[in-house]
């Protein structure tokens, strides 16, 4: 090597180790890790046992079919017909005539609206109803999951900026790396739920709130109010993504009332933009159903007098007979379930505990010290709203539609990490390079263990109960586009078969009456049963519970009195059966 080249090479090595190239290498490594992990959770790395099996959540599947209807230009309409929605629309004189779009008033609008943009770009894949042998995943589901992963990676970058403002660059980079190997956000992406979209919005809201706190400390109340207004807009968008997020807004409002001056202007700066964002959707719901909350408001009674599923299948819109004292027990159990093990819902392990312990530790920067109380207040607001609206199916947590605790994962991880690093630096071994390397390595291994366990676990190719797209899609061939199918999994029939499907009412006669009285988007073509109803407890659900009127049909009887669908055929699996008036699977649907 010539001497003229030596200084250039030395300069490059110096820049690589300590200068501008070091930052480039670091972020390039982050991007590579994100891409590899994304491909892993999408099931595109062959040597991993983990397989992407499509969506496991009924809510994710339901929102996907709403997004597809929106992409087709049908507005916020649904193929999943809930009997309660029929009753509510009929009571308000707004029941659409057969052939018209059926309005959706159950799902929050933001997730379907964002996914509709994606589905419009892949319209042919979104409308897929034919599958090759060995194909078990709807292609649009993998696309929706990939988009969610992009949202998560962008949220990681935003939280890097937030941690850098609150702490320093080194801690921010370490927190971003740890966040990237947390299993929970990747699981939410694979599940098809909108949590990562909400995480992205909340990340921007936290950055804006941090700027508001800084402006207040700097003696610029006008600037602080402007940042608060942006927080209000973003929290409004968050509520449009999931109604439980209203607790986060109330927590932010409580913090702003206490911290910012003048108080009245702070309240208005946060509340007015929030209401401007949320009100149009409430007005739309009232216009189409005479209720600003649609049927989604009935989730308030989850665990009080019945389950949400029970209410959705009933025609009773009145709640006047619900004992008020039942709410106290519901809220108490909901709060206890969340506070008993916050790390389970947040997904940060011991760093979650470190965050709460760190509330006793005064941080050097006043803005950082104040900001942690803002985080705590908003989190407590979320605990309250989750308890009030109900923790649906707690056995499915933490990857559950109602879990918004994951939105606090990045900021809780950053604060918990800050305390851990402070305590470690005060140890005698805290300044020894070898021990520091070992400590950081162990920290990454500890946080990444759930991810490793997920990706190294062998899974079946089909999601339970099962969601077998190729089998359910056969209903598309056996029925006409204007017909409706009764089912115990109408969300799956709507998404995979692309047909209107009514959730089985509590009484069999009610289903027949819906068809006879033209209260559905079209005539009834038959009934599709799956393990959703066939895998329930025998005594509590079949003999005494929600499916007692359907027991004989569930057991395979085709000679039921006043039931018009007497022909039956297994659909892909013995546990799934389609009942119809004629053998459509042999002669095709009537035209």
Protein backbone atom coordinates (compact mmCIF):
# COMPACT_ATOMS: atom_id res chain seq x y z
CA UNK A 1 0.00 0.00 0.00
CA UNK A 2 1.36 3.44 -0.91
CA UNK A 3 1.91 6.09 1.68
CA UNK A 4 -0.54 8.38 -0.14
CA UNK A 5 -3.32 5.89 0.40
CA UNK A 6 -2.54 5.30 4.07
CA UNK A 7 -4.01 8.56 5.45
CA UNK A 8 -7.21 7.99 3.43
CA UNK A 9 -7.56 4.47 4.78
CA UNK A 10 -6.79 5.61 8.29
CA UNK A 11 -9.39 8.35 8.00
CA UNK A 12 -11.98 5.85 6.79
CA UNK A 13 -11.22 3.47 9.69
CA UNK A 14 -11.46 6.35 12.16
CA UNK A 15 -14.80 7.43 10.67
CA UNK A 16 -16.02 3.83 10.81
CA UNK A 17 -15.09 3.42 14.45
CA UNK A 18 -15.90 6.82 15.88
CA UNK A 19 -17.17 9.18 13.18
CA UNK A 20 -20.08 9.57 10.78
CA UNK A 21 -19.73 6.11 9.23
CA UNK A 22 -20.29 4.53 12.62
CA UNK A 23 -23.80 5.94 12.71
CA UNK A 24 -24.46 4.71 9.18
CA UNK A 25 -23.25 1.22 10.07
CA UNK A 26 -25.36 1.19 13.23
CA UNK A 27 -28.56 2.12 11.44
CA UNK A 28 -27.81 -0.18 8.54
CA UNK A 29 -27.55 -2.98 11.08
CA UNK A 30 -30.90 -1.95 12.57
CA UNK A 31 -32.51 -2.04 9.12
CA UNK A 32 -31.03 -5.47 8.36
CA UNK A 33 -32.27 -6.84 11.69
CA UNK A 34 -35.75 -5.39 11.08
CA UNK A 35 -35.95 -6.91 7.59
CA UNK A 36 -34.79 -10.33 8.80
CA UNK A 37 -37.24 -10.33 11.69
CA UNK A 38 -40.06 -9.19 9.43
CA UNK A 39 -39.40 -11.98 6.96
CA UNK A 40 -39.22 -14.42 9.85
CA UNK A 41 -42.62 -13.48 11.27
CA UNK A 42 -44.11 -13.53 7.77
CA UNK A 43 -42.96 -17.13 7.45
CA UNK A 44 -40.64 -16.39 4.52
CA UNK A 45 -37.45 -17.85 6.03
CA UNK A 46 -37.61 -21.55 5.28
CA UNK A 47 -35.35 -22.98 7.97
CA UNK A 48 -37.39 -21.56 10.88
CA UNK A 49 -40.11 -23.78 12.41
CA UNK A 50 -42.40 -20.74 12.77
CA UNK A 51 -45.04 -20.42 10.05
CA UNK A 52 -47.27 -17.48 9.23
CA UNK A 53 -50.72 -19.04 9.37
CA UNK A 54 -52.88 -16.04 8.67
CA UNK A 55 -55.02 -14.17 11.16
CA UNK A 56 -56.09 -15.87 14.37
CA UNK A 57 -58.28 -13.04 15.67
CA UNK A 58 -61.93 -12.69 14.69
CA UNK A 59 -61.57 -8.92 15.08
CA UNK A 60 -58.64 -8.82 12.64
CA UNK A 61 -60.54 -10.87 10.06
CA UNK A 62 -63.63 -8.73 10.52
CA UNK A 63 -61.68 -5.49 10.04
CA UNK A 64 -60.03 -6.95 6.93
CA UNK A 65 -63.37 -7.56 5.22
CA UNK A 66 -64.57 -4.07 6.20
CA UNK A 67 -61.37 -2.65 4.69
CA UNK A 68 -62.02 -4.56 1.46
CA UNK A 69 -65.56 -3.21 1.24
CA UNK A 70 -64.19 0.28 1.77
CA UNK A 71 -61.57 -0.31 -0.94
CA UNK A 72 -64.35 -1.34 -3.33
CA UNK A 73 -66.11 1.97 -2.80
CA UNK A 74 -68.91 0.57 -0.62
CA UNK A 75 -68.12 2.87 2.30
CA UNK A 76 -67.83 1.64 5.88
CA UNK A 77 -70.01 -1.39 5.27
CA UNK A 78 -69.73 -4.99 6.35
CA UNK A 79 -70.44 -8.51 5.15
CA UNK A 80 -70.69 -9.62 8.81
CA UNK A 81 -74.32 -9.07 9.79
CA UNK A 82 -74.90 -9.00 13.55
CA UNK A 83 -78.52 -9.52 14.67
CA UNK A 84 -78.15 -6.67 17.18
CA UNK A 85 -77.21 -4.34 14.31
CA UNK A 86 -80.33 -5.45 12.41
CA UNK A 87 -82.45 -4.67 15.47
CA UNK A 88 -80.80 -1.29 16.03
CA UNK A 89 -81.16 -0.20 12.40
CA UNK A 90 -84.75 -1.44 12.25
CA UNK A 91 -85.62 0.42 15.45
CA UNK A 92 -84.28 3.63 13.92
CA UNK A 93 -86.06 3.03 10.61
CA UNK A 94 -82.70 2.81 8.83
CA UNK A 95 -82.50 -0.88 7.90
CA UNK A 96 -81.09 -1.02 4.35
CA UNK A 97 -83.16 -2.72 1.69
CA UNK A 98 -81.93 -6.02 0.20
CA UNK A 99 -79.10 -5.40 -2.22
CA UNK A 100 -77.86 -2.28 -0.42
CA UNK A 101 -74.62 -2.06 1.61
CA UNK A 102 -75.03 -2.91 5.29
CA UNK A 103 -73.34 -0.20 7.43
CA UNK A 104 -70.70 -1.25 9.93
CA UNK A 105 -71.06 0.39 13.35
CA UNK A 106 -69.00 -2.08 15.36
CA UNK A 107 -65.39 -1.61 14.26
CA UNK A 108 -63.28 1.46 14.88
CA UNK A 109 -62.68 3.12 11.49
CA UNK A 110 -58.97 3.94 11.42
CA UNK A 111 -57.53 0.44 10.95
CA UNK A 112 -59.88 -0.53 8.09
CA UNK A 113 -59.40 2.88 6.46
CA UNK A 114 -55.61 2.51 6.38
CA UNK A 115 -55.76 -1.12 5.26
CA UNK A 116 -58.23 -0.23 2.52
CA UNK A 117 -55.54 1.83 0.80
CA UNK A 118 -53.31 -1.25 0.73
CA UNK A 119 -56.14 -3.56 -0.42
CA UNK A 120 -57.09 -1.16 -3.19
CA UNK A 121 -53.57 -1.57 -4.55
CA UNK A 122 -53.78 -5.38 -4.44
CA UNK A 123 -57.46 -5.70 -5.34
CA UNK A 124 -57.07 -9.03 -7.14
CA UNK A 125 -55.32 -10.63 -4.18
CA UNK A 126 -57.81 -9.12 -1.72
CA UNK A 127 -60.71 -10.70 -3.66
CA UNK A 128 -59.10 -14.14 -3.77
CA UNK A 129 -61.51 -17.05 -3.33
CA UNK A 130 -59.61 -19.86 -5.09
CA UNK A 131 -56.63 -21.66 -3.60
CA UNK A 132 -54.04 -24.06 -4.92
CA UNK A 133 -53.45 -27.38 -3.12
CA UNK A 134 -51.36 -26.78 -0.01
CA UNK A 135 -52.20 -23.06 0.12
CA UNK A 136 -53.45 -22.12 3.56
CA UNK A 137 -53.04 -18.33 3.84
CA UNK A 138 -55.01 -15.52 2.23
CA UNK A 139 -52.35 -13.43 0.43
CA UNK A 140 -53.84 -10.13 1.58
CA UNK A 141 -53.31 -11.16 5.20
CA UNK A 142 -49.56 -11.38 4.68
CA UNK A 143 -49.65 -7.92 3.04
CA UNK A 144 -51.60 -6.41 5.97
CA UNK A 145 -49.15 -7.99 8.43
CA UNK A 146 -46.18 -6.63 6.47
CA UNK A 147 -47.67 -3.11 6.53
CA UNK A 148 -48.13 -3.41 10.29
CA UNK A 149 -44.47 -4.36 10.62
CA UNK A 150 -43.48 -1.24 8.69
CA UNK A 151 -45.54 0.83 11.14
CA UNK A 152 -43.69 -0.80 14.02
CA UNK A 153 -40.23 -0.12 12.59
CA UNK A 154 -41.13 3.54 11.97
CA UNK A 155 -42.42 3.73 15.56
CA UNK A 156 -39.05 2.37 16.76
CA UNK A 157 -37.29 5.24 14.93
CA UNK A 158 -39.64 7.79 16.46
CA UNK A 159 -39.08 6.42 19.93
CA UNK A 160 -35.34 6.63 19.31
CA UNK A 161 -35.84 10.37 18.80
CA UNK A 162 -37.99 10.58 21.93
CA UNK A 163 -35.47 8.69 24.08
CA UNK A 164 -32.70 10.88 22.70
CA UNK A 165 -34.60 14.01 23.79
CA UNK A 166 -35.31 12.59 27.23
CA UNK A 167 -31.95 10.90 27.88
CA UNK A 168 -29.03 10.67 25.43
CA UNK A 169 -28.06 9.09 22.13
CA UNK A 170 -26.45 5.95 23.56
CA UNK A 171 -29.42 5.02 25.70
CA UNK A 172 -31.77 5.83 22.81
CA UNK A 173 -29.89 3.50 20.46
CA UNK A 174 -29.80 0.72 23.04
CA UNK A 175 -33.53 1.15 23.75
CA UNK A 176 -34.30 1.04 20.03
CA UNK A 177 -32.32 -2.18 19.68
CA UNK A 178 -34.08 -3.79 22.63
CA UNK A 179 -37.47 -2.68 21.34
CA UNK A 180 -36.73 -4.22 17.97
CA UNK A 181 -36.26 -7.68 19.51
CA UNK A 182 -39.42 -7.51 21.65
CA UNK A 183 -41.79 -10.26 20.58
CA UNK A 184 -45.12 -8.61 21.34
CA UNK A 185 -45.29 -5.95 18.56
CA UNK A 186 -44.27 -8.52 15.95
CA UNK A 187 -46.97 -10.85 17.26
CA UNK A 188 -49.56 -8.11 16.89
CA UNK A 189 -48.45 -7.55 13.31
CA UNK A 190 -48.76 -11.25 12.48
CA UNK A 191 -52.20 -11.31 14.13
CA UNK A 192 -53.47 -8.57 11.79
CA UNK A 193 -54.54 -6.28 14.63
CA UNK A 194 -54.08 -2.47 14.34
CA UNK A 195 -51.92 -2.03 17.46
CA UNK A 196 -48.75 -1.15 15.52
CA UNK A 197 -50.58 1.57 13.59
CA UNK A 198 -51.76 2.95 16.93
CA UNK A 199 -48.22 2.61 18.30
CA UNK A 200 -46.97 4.81 15.46
CA UNK A 201 -49.61 7.46 16.17
CA UNK A 202 -48.95 7.34 19.90
CA UNK A 203 -45.22 7.69 19.26
CA UNK A 204 -45.82 11.00 17.48
CA UNK A 205 -48.18 12.07 20.28
CA UNK A 206 -45.50 11.39 22.91
CA UNK A 207 -42.95 13.40 20.92
CA UNK A 208 -45.40 16.29 20.70
CA UNK A 209 -46.14 16.06 24.43
CA UNK A 210 -42.41 16.07 25.20
CA UNK A 211 -42.05 19.24 23.12
CA UNK A 212 -44.97 20.79 25.02
CA UNK A 213 -43.27 20.01 28.35
CA UNK A 214 -40.00 21.52 27.07
CA UNK A 215 -41.82 24.66 25.92
CA UNK A 216 -43.50 24.99 29.31
CA UNK A 217 -40.12 24.67 31.05
CA UNK A 218 -38.62 27.24 28.66
CA UNK A 219 -41.31 29.79 29.52
CA UNK A 220 -43.14 29.64 26.16
CA UNK A 221 -46.76 28.86 27.06
CA UNK A 222 -48.06 29.70 23.58
CA UNK A 223 -45.77 27.16 21.95
CA UNK A 224 -46.71 24.61 24.58
CA UNK A 225 -50.41 25.08 23.78
CA UNK A 226 -49.74 24.53 20.07
CA UNK A 227 -47.97 21.27 20.82
CA UNK A 228 -50.86 20.28 23.10
CA UNK A 229 -53.28 20.89 20.23
CA UNK A 230 -51.27 18.46 18.10
CA UNK A 231 -51.42 15.93 20.95
CA UNK A 232 -55.21 16.32 20.97
CA UNK A 233 -55.42 15.62 17.24
CA UNK A 234 -53.24 12.52 17.55
CA UNK A 235 -55.10 11.15 20.57
CA UNK A 236 -58.34 11.67 18.66
CA UNK A 237 -56.91 9.54 15.85
CA UNK A 238 -55.92 6.99 18.47
CA UNK A 239 -59.53 6.72 19.67
CA UNK A 240 -60.65 6.25 16.06
CA UNK A 241 -58.30 3.27 16.05
CA UNK A 242 -59.70 1.75 19.25
CA UNK A 243 -62.30 3.13 21.63
CA UNK A 244 -60.39 1.98 24.72
CA UNK A 245 -57.79 4.67 23.91
CA UNK A 246 -60.19 7.26 25.34
CA UNK A 247 -58.57 6.45 28.70
CA UNK A 248 -55.21 7.60 27.35
CA UNK A 249 -56.79 10.92 26.34
CA UNK A 250 -58.37 11.35 29.77
CA UNK A 251 -54.99 10.65 31.40
CA UNK A 252 -53.32 13.22 29.17
CA UNK A 253 -56.08 15.70 30.01
CA UNK A 254 -55.56 15.15 33.75
CA UNK A 255 -51.80 15.66 33.40
CA UNK A 256 -52.22 18.78 31.25
CA UNK A 257 -54.71 20.28 33.71
CA UNK A 258 -52.21 19.88 36.55
CA UNK A 259 -49.01 20.83 34.74
CA UNK A 260 -49.72 23.44 32.07
CA UNK A 261 -50.70 27.06 32.58
CA UNK A 262 -53.14 28.67 32.10
CA UNK A 263 -55.20 25.61 32.91
CA UNK A 264 -58.34 26.55 31.01
CA UNK A 265 -56.41 27.17 27.81
CA UNK A 266 -54.50 23.91 28.26
CA UNK A 267 -57.78 22.01 28.62
CA UNK A 268 -59.22 23.68 25.53
CA UNK A 269 -56.03 23.21 23.52
CA UNK A 270 -56.14 19.47 24.13
CA UNK A 271 -59.90 18.86 24.10
CA UNK A 272 -61.13 20.92 21.14
CA UNK A 273 -58.85 19.27 18.52
CA UNK A 274 -59.64 15.87 20.04
CA UNK A 275 -63.37 16.44 19.64
CA UNK A 276 -62.94 17.80 16.11
CA UNK A 277 -61.26 14.54 15.11
CA UNK A 278 -63.66 12.17 16.89
CA UNK A 279 -66.99 13.94 16.29
CA UNK A 280 -67.37 13.22 12.54
CA UNK A 281 -67.31 9.48 13.18
CA UNK A 282 -69.83 9.77 16.02
CA UNK A 283 -72.05 11.88 13.74
CA UNK A 284 -71.75 9.28 10.97
CA UNK A 285 -72.79 6.50 13.37
CA UNK A 286 -75.77 8.53 14.50
CA UNK A 287 -76.75 9.20 10.91
CA UNK A 288 -76.75 5.52 9.94
CA UNK A 289 -78.02 3.99 13.22
CA UNK A 290 -79.45 6.72 15.46
CA UNK A 291 -76.74 5.91 17.99
CA UNK A 292 -73.38 7.76 18.05
CA UNK A 293 -71.60 4.62 19.22
CA UNK A 294 -73.44 2.19 16.96
CA UNK A 295 -73.44 -1.32 18.37
CA UNK A 296 -69.83 -0.92 19.58
CA UNK A 297 -71.15 0.82 22.68
CA UNK A 298 -72.60 -2.47 23.91
CA UNK A 299 -69.05 -3.63 24.66
CA UNK A 300 -69.49 -1.58 27.83
CA UNK A 301 -71.64 -4.43 29.16
CA UNK A 302 -69.04 -7.14 28.52
CA UNK A 303 -68.82 -9.23 31.68
CA UNK A 304 -71.72 -7.42 33.35
CA UNK A 305 -74.89 -9.22 32.29
CA UNK A 306 -73.63 -11.21 29.31
CA UNK A 307 -70.76 -11.47 26.86
CA UNK A 308 -70.39 -9.20 23.86
CA UNK A 309 -70.90 -12.20 21.57
CA UNK A 310 -74.21 -12.97 23.27
CA UNK A 311 -75.43 -9.40 22.84
CA UNK A 312 -74.38 -9.27 19.19
CA UNK A 313 -76.50 -12.38 18.48
CA UNK A 314 -79.56 -11.05 20.33
CA UNK A 315 -82.24 -8.66 19.09
CA UNK A 316 -82.52 -6.84 22.42
CA UNK A 317 -81.25 -3.25 22.23
CA UNK A 318 -82.44 -2.22 25.70
CA UNK A 319 -80.01 -2.32 28.64
CA UNK A 320 -82.32 -0.88 31.27
CA UNK A 321 -82.46 -4.12 33.24
CA UNK A 322 -78.70 -4.24 33.85
CA UNK A 323 -77.99 -3.89 37.62
CA UNK A 324 -75.62 -0.93 38.20
CA UNK A 325 -73.80 -2.78 40.98
CA UNK A 326 -72.60 -5.33 38.44
CA UNK A 327 -70.31 -2.67 36.98
CA UNK A 328 -68.42 -2.33 40.25
CA UNK A 329 -67.40 -5.98 40.26
CA UNK A 330 -66.48 -5.79 36.59
CA UNK A 331 -64.25 -2.73 37.05
CA UNK A 332 -62.60 -4.14 40.17
CA UNK A 333 -61.72 -7.41 38.47
CA UNK A 334 -60.57 -5.58 35.35
CA UNK A 335 -58.21 -3.30 37.25
CA UNK A 336 -56.87 -6.21 39.32
CA UNK A 337 -56.21 -8.28 36.18
CA UNK A 338 -54.11 -5.46 34.69
CA UNK A 339 -52.21 -4.45 37.80
CA UNK A 340 -51.46 -7.99 38.87
CA UNK A 341 -48.83 -8.44 36.16
CA UNK A 342 -48.30 -5.29 34.03
CA UNK A 343 -45.22 -6.79 32.37
CA UNK A 344 -47.41 -9.44 30.74
CA UNK A 345 -49.44 -6.79 28.94
CA UNK A 346 -46.56 -4.42 28.20
CA UNK A 347 -44.09 -7.05 27.02
CA UNK A 348 -40.90 -5.54 28.49
CA UNK A 349 -40.26 -8.10 31.23
CA UNK A 350 -38.27 -6.83 34.21
CA UNK A 351 -37.78 -3.45 32.54
CA UNK A 352 -41.49 -2.85 33.21
CA UNK A 353 -40.82 -3.37 36.91
CA UNK A 354 -37.81 -1.04 36.63
CA UNK A 355 -40.08 1.66 35.19
CA UNK A 356 -42.38 1.58 38.21
CA UNK A 357 -39.45 1.43 40.63
CA UNK A 358 -37.92 4.36 38.75
CA UNK A 359 -40.87 6.53 39.74
CA UNK A 360 -39.07 6.87 43.08
CA UNK A 361 -35.84 8.01 41.39
CA UNK A 362 -35.45 11.74 40.54
CA UNK A 363 -33.99 12.19 37.05
CA UNK A 364 -31.47 14.96 36.50
CA UNK A 365 -33.28 16.62 33.58
CA UNK A 366 -36.48 18.32 34.82
CA UNK A 367 -38.28 17.61 31.51
CA UNK A 368 -37.52 13.89 31.83
CA UNK A 369 -38.59 13.87 35.46
CA UNK A 370 -41.94 15.47 34.56
CA UNK A 371 -42.53 13.37 31.47
CA UNK A 372 -42.55 10.07 33.36
CA UNK A 373 -45.54 11.31 35.36
CA UNK A 374 -47.32 12.11 32.11
CA UNK A 375 -46.65 8.54 30.96
CA UNK A 376 -47.91 7.11 34.25
CA UNK A 377 -51.08 9.24 34.19
CA UNK A 378 -51.95 8.18 30.66
CA UNK A 379 -51.26 4.54 31.47
CA UNK A 380 -53.51 4.68 34.53
CA UNK A 381 -56.21 6.22 32.32
CA UNK A 382 -55.84 3.25 29.98
CA UNK A 383 -56.12 0.82 32.89
CA UNK A 384 -59.38 2.49 33.91
CA UNK A 385 -60.91 2.54 30.40
CA UNK A 386 -59.88 -1.07 29.76
CA UNK A 387 -61.53 -2.12 33.02
CA UNK A 388 -64.72 -0.21 32.21
CA UNK A 389 -65.02 -1.43 28.62
CA UNK A 390 -64.11 -4.95 29.65
CA UNK A 391 -61.20 -7.33 29.18
CA UNK A 392 -62.64 -9.67 26.59
CA UNK A 393 -61.27 -13.22 26.67
CA UNK A 394 -58.37 -12.58 29.10
CA UNK A 395 -56.94 -16.01 28.32
CA UNK A 396 -55.93 -14.68 24.89
CA UNK A 397 -53.90 -11.81 26.32
CA UNK A 398 -51.43 -10.26 25.76
CA UNK A 399 -52.00 -10.63 21.97
CA UNK A 400 -55.64 -9.58 22.18
CA UNK A 401 -57.70 -6.93 20.36
CA UNK A 402 -58.29 -4.97 23.56
CA UNK A 403 -54.66 -4.79 24.68
CA UNK A 404 -53.46 -1.22 24.16
CA UNK A 405 -50.86 -1.52 26.91
CA UNK A 406 -48.39 -2.42 24.18
CA UNK A 407 -48.50 1.24 23.08
CA UNK A 408 -46.57 2.08 26.26
CA UNK A 409 -43.94 -0.61 25.69
CA UNK A 410 -41.29 1.66 24.06
CA UNK A 411 -41.44 4.51 26.56
CA UNK A 412 -41.69 2.18 29.56
CA UNK A 413 -38.72 0.22 28.22
CA UNK A 414 -36.69 3.42 27.84
CA UNK A 415 -37.37 4.65 31.39
CA UNK A 416 -36.80 1.19 32.86
CA UNK A 417 -33.54 0.89 30.94
CA UNK A 418 -32.41 4.29 32.20
CA UNK A 419 -32.79 3.21 35.81
CA UNK A 420 -31.06 -0.14 35.18
CA UNK A 421 -28.09 1.61 33.52
CA UNK A 422 -27.79 4.09 36.39
CA UNK A 423 -27.73 1.30 38.95
CA UNK A 424 -25.26 -0.79 36.91
CA UNK A 425 -22.89 2.15 36.44
CA UNK A 426 -22.65 2.53 40.23
CA UNK A 427 -21.35 -1.01 40.62
CA UNK A 428 -17.63 -1.64 40.78
CA UNK A 429 -17.81 -3.68 37.56
CA UNK A 430 -19.88 -1.01 35.80
CA UNK A 431 -16.82 0.61 34.23
CA UNK A 432 -15.06 -2.61 33.19
CA UNK A 433 -15.49 -3.06 29.39
CA UNK A 434 -15.76 -6.84 29.58
CA UNK A 435 -18.48 -6.74 32.22
CA UNK A 436 -20.34 -3.98 30.36
CA UNK A 437 -20.32 -6.07 27.20
CA UNK A 438 -21.53 -9.11 29.11
CA UNK A 439 -24.26 -7.03 30.79
CA UNK A 440 -25.60 -5.60 27.53
CA UNK A 441 -25.44 -8.99 25.84
CA UNK A 442 -27.38 -10.58 28.68
CA UNK A 443 -29.95 -7.79 28.52
CA UNK A 444 -30.56 -8.39 24.82
CA UNK A 445 -30.80 -12.14 25.34
CA UNK A 446 -33.30 -11.67 28.17
CA UNK A 447 -35.55 -9.35 26.13
CA UNK A 448 -35.25 -11.47 22.97
CA UNK A 449 -36.02 -14.84 24.59
CA UNK A 450 -39.80 -14.68 23.94
CA UNK A 451 -39.05 -13.88 20.29
CA UNK A 452 -36.65 -16.81 20.01
CA UNK A 453 -39.23 -19.08 21.60
CA UNK A 454 -41.89 -17.90 19.14
CA UNK A 455 -39.78 -18.31 16.02
CA UNK A 456 -38.37 -21.68 17.07
CA UNK A 457 -41.76 -23.21 17.93
CA UNK A 458 -43.34 -25.53 15.39
CA UNK A 459 -46.90 -24.54 14.58
CA UNK A 460 -49.72 -26.11 12.57
CA UNK A 461 -50.45 -24.79 9.10
CA UNK A 462 -54.02 -23.75 9.93
CA UNK A 463 -55.23 -21.32 12.56
CA UNK A 464 -57.82 -22.59 15.01
CA UNK A 465 -60.91 -22.76 15.11
CA UNK A 466 -59.92 -23.57 12.17
CA UNK A 467 -59.79 -20.68 9.73
CA UNK A 468 -59.27 -22.82 6.64
CA UNK A 469 -59.46 -20.28 3.77
CA UNK A 470 -59.55 -22.82 0.94
CA UNK A 471 -62.48 -24.66 2.52
CA UNK A 472 -64.51 -21.62 3.55
CA UNK A 473 -63.97 -20.09 0.09
CA UNK A 474 -66.00 -22.95 -1.44
CA UNK A 475 -69.11 -21.19 -0.15
CA UNK A 476 -68.41 -18.50 -2.75
CA UNK A 477 -68.92 -21.06 -5.55
CA UNK A 478 -72.01 -22.62 -3.96
CA UNK A 479 -73.89 -19.34 -3.47
CA UNK A 480 -74.83 -16.26 -5.47
CA UNK A 481 -73.35 -12.82 -4.67
CA UNK A 482 -76.73 -11.52 -3.47
CA UNK A 483 -77.31 -14.41 -1.03
CA UNK A 484 -76.61 -14.54 2.70
CA UNK A 485 -75.16 -17.42 4.72
CA UNK A 486 -75.98 -17.98 8.40
CA UNK A 487 -72.87 -18.94 10.37
CA UNK A 488 -71.20 -19.14 13.75
CA UNK A 489 -68.13 -17.44 12.19
CA UNK A 490 -69.65 -14.80 9.88
CA UNK A 491 -66.46 -12.72 9.89
CA UNK A 492 -64.57 -15.60 8.26
CA UNK A 493 -67.34 -16.26 5.72
CA UNK A 494 -67.34 -12.57 4.81
CA UNK A 495 -63.55 -12.43 4.37
CA UNK A 496 -62.69 -15.80 2.82
CA UNK A 497 -65.91 -16.56 0.90
CA UNK A 498 -66.68 -12.91 0.07
CA UNK A 499 -70.34 -13.41 0.92
CA UNK A 500 -72.72 -11.70 3.32
CA UNK A 501 -73.06 -13.79 6.47
CA UNK A 502 -75.37 -13.33 9.43
CA UNK A 503 -74.24 -14.37 12.88
CA UNK A 504 -76.53 -17.16 14.12
CA UNK A 505 -79.19 -15.58 16.37
CA UNK A 506 -79.89 -17.11 19.74
CA UNK A 507 -83.04 -18.75 18.36
CA UNK A 508 -83.21 -20.78 15.15
CA UNK A 509 -86.62 -19.32 14.32
CA UNK A 510 -85.13 -15.84 14.40
CA UNK A 511 -82.76 -16.74 11.59
CA UNK A 512 -85.58 -18.08 9.43
CA UNK A 513 -87.67 -14.98 10.18
CA UNK A 514 -84.81 -12.70 9.10
CA UNK A 515 -84.85 -14.34 5.69
CA UNK A 516 -88.65 -14.51 5.36
CA UNK A 517 -89.10 -10.85 6.35
CA UNK A 518 -86.40 -9.54 3.96
CA UNK A 519 -84.34 -7.97 6.74
CA UNK A 520 -81.04 -9.19 5.31
CA UNK A 521 -79.05 -7.93 2.31
CA UNK A 522 -80.37 -10.92 0.36
CA UNK A 523 -82.11 -14.31 0.63
CA UNK A 524 -80.71 -16.99 2.93
CA UNK A 525 -78.69 -19.62 1.09
CA UNK A 526 -77.94 -21.92 4.04
CA UNK A 527 -76.10 -22.31 7.33
CA UNK A 528 -72.38 -22.91 7.79
CA UNK A 529 -71.27 -24.42 11.12
CA UNK A 530 -67.71 -24.69 12.40
CA UNK A 531 -65.87 -25.61 15.62
CA UNK A 532 -66.79 -22.14 16.93
CA UNK A 533 -70.08 -23.71 18.01
CA UNK A 534 -69.04 -27.37 17.99
CA UNK A 535 -66.10 -26.98 20.35
CA UNK A 536 -67.94 -25.22 23.18
CA UNK A 537 -68.64 -26.70 26.63
CA UNK A 538 -71.48 -29.22 26.36
CA UNK A 539 -73.55 -28.24 29.38
CA UNK A 540 -72.94 -24.49 29.76
CA UNK A 541 -73.20 -23.60 26.05
CA UNK A 542 -75.03 -26.37 24.23
CA UNK A 543 -77.62 -27.39 26.81
CA UNK A 544 -77.99 -24.19 28.82
CA UNK A 545 -76.11 -21.50 26.96
CA UNK A 546 -75.91 -19.48 23.76
CA UNK A 547 -76.21 -22.44 21.38
CA UNK A 548 -78.90 -24.47 23.11
CA UNK A 549 -81.42 -23.80 20.34
CA UNK A 550 -78.91 -25.03 17.75
CA UNK A 551 -77.82 -28.21 19.54
CA UNK A 552 -79.54 -30.69 17.20
CA UNK A 553 -78.16 -29.00 14.10
CA UNK A 554 -74.69 -28.88 15.64
CA UNK A 555 -74.91 -32.63 16.19
CA UNK A 556 -75.75 -33.11 12.51
CA UNK A 557 -79.52 -33.50 12.40
CA UNK A 558 -81.10 -32.56 9.06
CA UNK A 559 -84.74 -33.27 9.93
CA UNK A 560 -85.46 -30.31 12.19
CA UNK A 561 -88.99 -28.96 12.22
CA UNK A 562 -89.47 -25.60 10.43
CA UNK A 563 -85.83 -25.57 9.34
CA UNK A 564 -85.60 -25.31 5.54
CA UNK A 565 -81.98 -26.39 5.05
CA UNK A 566 -82.01 -30.20 5.07
CA UNK A 567 -79.09 -31.02 2.77
CA UNK A 568 -75.61 -31.13 4.34
CA UNK A 569 -72.02 -31.52 3.22
CA UNK A 570 -68.66 -31.37 5.07
CA UNK A 571 -66.59 -28.35 4.06
CA UNK A 572 -62.93 -29.28 3.95
CA UNK A 573 -63.03 -30.81 7.42
CA UNK A 574 -65.58 -33.03 9.24
CA UNK A 575 -65.97 -30.34 11.90
CA UNK A 576 -67.30 -27.84 9.33
CA UNK A 577 -70.65 -28.37 7.64
CA UNK A 578 -72.74 -26.42 5.16
CA UNK A 579 -76.53 -26.91 5.28
CA UNK A 580 -78.64 -25.80 2.33
CA UNK A 581 -82.05 -26.33 0.70
CA UNK A 582 -80.57 -28.18 -2.29
CA UNK A 583 -77.26 -29.89 -3.03
CA UNK A 584 -75.57 -26.77 -4.34
CA UNK A 585 -72.18 -28.48 -4.20
CA UNK A 586 -73.37 -30.84 -6.92
CA UNK A 587 -75.57 -28.66 -9.13
CA UNK A 588 -74.34 -25.16 -8.27
CA UNK A 589 -76.39 -22.33 -6.76
CA UNK A 590 -79.79 -21.44 -8.25
CA UNK A 591 -79.55 -18.52 -10.66
